[in-house]
């Protein structure tokens, strides 16, 4: 058996002998069963963008479902009217960039 030596004192053996505890994250309890197409730790910017869009999607859906005006949505979600307009613009501009199935996964966790 060949061992790998990276010059690290006490390092004898390959990486398969290292202990790795799969603790998952807020999306999934285990990395091996995670529904995301990539790990949130591999691309934090992508993860934050998807998470923000999922929150925006909840606001947009509530506005459509309950037929809320901008002012009513602001009161319901305890944000300013300006924030509702930002959500509407952000959702409209970014809706084409991200797969809707991915947003559904995030929406379920938000």
C-alpha atoms as a PDB file:
ATOM      1  CA  UNK A   1       0.000   0.000   0.000  1.00  0.00           C
ATOM      2  CA  UNK A   2       1.297   3.422  -0.931  1.00  0.00           C
ATOM      3  CA  UNK A   3       1.024   6.215   1.568  1.00  0.00           C
ATOM      4  CA  UNK A   4       0.835   9.888   0.807  1.00  0.00           C
ATOM      5  CA  UNK A   5       3.326  12.141   2.540  1.00  0.00           C
ATOM      6  CA  UNK A   6       2.643  15.849   2.319  1.00  0.00           C
ATOM      7  CA  UNK A   7       5.387  16.720   4.734  1.00  0.00           C
ATOM      8  CA  UNK A   8       2.904  16.958   7.586  1.00  0.00           C
ATOM      9  CA  UNK A   9       4.227  15.523  10.814  1.00  0.00           C
ATOM     10  CA  UNK A  10       2.140  12.543  11.876  1.00  0.00           C
ATOM     11  CA  UNK A  11       0.522  12.247   8.443  1.00  0.00           C
ATOM     12  CA  UNK A  12       0.612   8.629   7.401  1.00  0.00           C
ATOM     13  CA  UNK A  13      -1.957   7.316   4.966  1.00  0.00           C
ATOM     14  CA  UNK A  14      -4.432   8.554   2.473  1.00  0.00           C
ATOM     15  CA  UNK A  15      -7.375  10.840   3.035  1.00  0.00           C
ATOM     16  CA  UNK A  16      -9.789   7.932   3.237  1.00  0.00           C
ATOM     17  CA  UNK A  17      -8.627   7.381   6.808  1.00  0.00           C
ATOM     18  CA  UNK A  18      -9.597  10.873   7.964  1.00  0.00           C
ATOM     19  CA  UNK A  19     -12.712  11.201  10.059  1.00  0.00           C
ATOM     20  CA  UNK A  20     -15.434  13.218   8.342  1.00  0.00           C
ATOM     21  CA  UNK A  21     -18.705  13.851  10.112  1.00  0.00           C
ATOM     22  CA  UNK A  22     -21.535  14.673   7.724  1.00  0.00           C
ATOM     23  CA  UNK A  23     -23.529  17.185   9.749  1.00  0.00           C
ATOM     24  CA  UNK A  24     -25.345  18.746   6.791  1.00  0.00           C
ATOM     25  CA  UNK A  25     -26.733  22.280   7.012  1.00  0.00           C
ATOM     26  CA  UNK A  26     -30.077  24.072   7.306  1.00  0.00           C
ATOM     27  CA  UNK A  27     -31.143  22.704   3.912  1.00  0.00           C
ATOM     28  CA  UNK A  28     -30.458  19.025   4.568  1.00  0.00           C
ATOM     29  CA  UNK A  29     -29.476  16.933   7.558  1.00  0.00           C
ATOM     30  CA  UNK A  30     -26.856  15.148   5.448  1.00  0.00           C
ATOM     31  CA  UNK A  31     -24.721  16.190   2.478  1.00  0.00           C
ATOM     32  CA  UNK A  32     -25.385  12.867   0.775  1.00  0.00           C
ATOM     33  CA  UNK A  33     -29.138  13.470   0.555  1.00  0.00           C
ATOM     34  CA  UNK A  34     -29.048  17.224  -0.101  1.00  0.00           C
ATOM     35  CA  UNK A  35     -31.437  18.338  -2.873  1.00  0.00           C
ATOM     36  CA  UNK A  36     -29.292  21.303  -3.945  1.00  0.00           C
ATOM     37  CA  UNK A  37     -27.320  21.039  -7.195  1.00  0.00           C
ATOM     38  CA  UNK A  38     -24.187  22.253  -5.393  1.00  0.00           C
ATOM     39  CA  UNK A  39     -23.038  22.748  -1.829  1.00  0.00           C
ATOM     40  CA  UNK A  40     -23.836  26.069  -0.171  1.00  0.00           C
ATOM     41  CA  UNK A  41     -20.261  26.166   1.128  1.00  0.00           C
ATOM     42  CA  UNK A  42     -18.817  25.762  -2.387  1.00  0.00           C
ATOM     43  CA  UNK A  43     -20.535  28.924  -3.673  1.00  0.00           C
ATOM     44  CA  UNK A  44     -21.875  31.120  -0.847  1.00  0.00           C
ATOM     45  CA  UNK A  45     -22.832  33.946  -3.234  1.00  0.00           C
ATOM     46  CA  UNK A  46     -25.056  31.592  -5.246  1.00  0.00           C
ATOM     47  CA  UNK A  47     -26.606  30.275  -2.032  1.00  0.00           C
ATOM     48  CA  UNK A  48     -27.376  33.748  -0.673  1.00  0.00           C
ATOM     49  CA  UNK A  49     -28.859  34.831  -3.994  1.00  0.00           C
ATOM     50  CA  UNK A  50     -31.143  31.795  -4.155  1.00  0.00           C
ATOM     51  CA  UNK A  51     -32.160  32.197  -0.543  1.00  0.00           C
ATOM     52  CA  UNK A  52     -33.025  35.874  -1.069  1.00  0.00           C
ATOM     53  CA  UNK A  53     -35.006  35.078  -4.219  1.00  0.00           C
ATOM     54  CA  UNK A  54     -36.918  32.352  -2.388  1.00  0.00           C
ATOM     55  CA  UNK A  55     -37.931  34.853   0.288  1.00  0.00           C
ATOM     56  CA  UNK A  56     -38.930  37.283  -2.446  1.00  0.00           C
ATOM     57  CA  UNK A  57     -40.956  34.558  -4.126  1.00  0.00           C
ATOM     58  CA  UNK A  58     -42.930  34.017  -0.917  1.00  0.00           C
ATOM     59  CA  UNK A  59     -43.823  37.706  -0.796  1.00  0.00           C
ATOM     60  CA  UNK A  60     -44.782  37.791  -4.480  1.00  0.00           C
ATOM     61  CA  UNK A  61     -46.923  34.658  -4.144  1.00  0.00           C
ATOM     62  CA  UNK A  62     -48.671  36.030  -1.063  1.00  0.00           C
ATOM     63  CA  UNK A  63     -49.376  39.275  -2.906  1.00  0.00           C
ATOM     64  CA  UNK A  64     -50.869  37.374  -5.837  1.00  0.00           C
ATOM     65  CA  UNK A  65     -52.788  34.830  -3.767  1.00  0.00           C
ATOM     66  CA  UNK A  66     -54.303  37.319  -1.323  1.00  0.00           C
ATOM     67  CA  UNK A  67     -54.540  40.098  -3.921  1.00  0.00           C
ATOM     68  CA  UNK A  68     -52.511  42.442  -1.711  1.00  0.00           C
ATOM     69  CA  UNK A  69     -51.498  45.942  -2.645  1.00  0.00           C
ATOM     70  CA  UNK A  70     -47.924  47.070  -2.050  1.00  0.00           C
ATOM     71  CA  UNK A  71     -48.958  48.850   1.135  1.00  0.00           C
ATOM     72  CA  UNK A  72     -50.866  45.816   2.446  1.00  0.00           C
ATOM     73  CA  UNK A  73     -47.929  43.520   1.696  1.00  0.00           C
ATOM     74  CA  UNK A  74     -45.584  45.882   3.528  1.00  0.00           C
ATOM     75  CA  UNK A  75     -47.792  45.715   6.611  1.00  0.00           C
ATOM     76  CA  UNK A  76     -48.224  41.932   6.379  1.00  0.00           C
ATOM     77  CA  UNK A  77     -44.473  41.233   6.093  1.00  0.00           C
ATOM     78  CA  UNK A  78     -43.463  44.065   8.435  1.00  0.00           C
ATOM     79  CA  UNK A  79     -41.247  45.821   5.892  1.00  0.00           C
ATOM     80  CA  UNK A  80     -41.362  49.196   4.190  1.00  0.00           C
ATOM     81  CA  UNK A  81     -43.191  49.928   0.961  1.00  0.00           C
ATOM     82  CA  UNK A  82     -39.805  50.581  -0.643  1.00  0.00           C
ATOM     83  CA  UNK A  83     -38.672  47.068   0.321  1.00  0.00           C
ATOM     84  CA  UNK A  84     -41.713  45.576  -1.401  1.00  0.00           C
ATOM     85  CA  UNK A  85     -40.832  47.502  -4.563  1.00  0.00           C
ATOM     86  CA  UNK A  86     -37.239  46.219  -4.298  1.00  0.00           C
ATOM     87  CA  UNK A  87     -38.527  42.662  -3.918  1.00  0.00           C
ATOM     88  CA  UNK A  88     -40.731  43.051  -6.976  1.00  0.00           C
ATOM     89  CA  UNK A  89     -37.874  44.460  -9.066  1.00  0.00           C
ATOM     90  CA  UNK A  90     -35.348  41.887  -7.853  1.00  0.00           C
ATOM     91  CA  UNK A  91     -37.711  39.006  -8.525  1.00  0.00           C
ATOM     92  CA  UNK A  92     -38.572  40.305 -11.992  1.00  0.00           C
ATOM     93  CA  UNK A  93     -34.909  40.868 -12.941  1.00  0.00           C
ATOM     94  CA  UNK A  94     -33.503  37.622 -11.533  1.00  0.00           C
ATOM     95  CA  UNK A  95     -36.323  35.199 -12.239  1.00  0.00           C
ATOM     96  CA  UNK A  96     -34.710  34.018 -15.484  1.00  0.00           C
ATOM     97  CA  UNK A  97     -31.269  33.376 -13.946  1.00  0.00           C
ATOM     98  CA  UNK A  98     -32.215  30.588 -11.556  1.00  0.00           C
ATOM     99  CA  UNK A  99     -34.018  27.319 -12.122  1.00  0.00           C
ATOM    100  CA  UNK A 100     -37.525  27.475 -10.581  1.00  0.00           C
ATOM    101  CA  UNK A 101     -37.023  23.992  -9.106  1.00  0.00           C
ATOM    102  CA  UNK A 102     -34.036  25.301  -7.146  1.00  0.00           C
ATOM    103  CA  UNK A 103     -36.141  28.164  -5.810  1.00  0.00           C
ATOM    104  CA  UNK A 104     -38.795  25.698  -4.670  1.00  0.00           C
ATOM    105  CA  UNK A 105     -36.167  23.893  -2.586  1.00  0.00           C
ATOM    106  CA  UNK A 106     -35.123  27.156  -0.959  1.00  0.00           C
ATOM    107  CA  UNK A 107     -38.718  28.306  -0.480  1.00  0.00           C
ATOM    108  CA  UNK A 108     -39.420  25.161   1.508  1.00  0.00           C
ATOM    109  CA  UNK A 109     -36.611  26.031   3.937  1.00  0.00           C
ATOM    110  CA  UNK A 110     -37.228  29.770   4.331  1.00  0.00           C
END
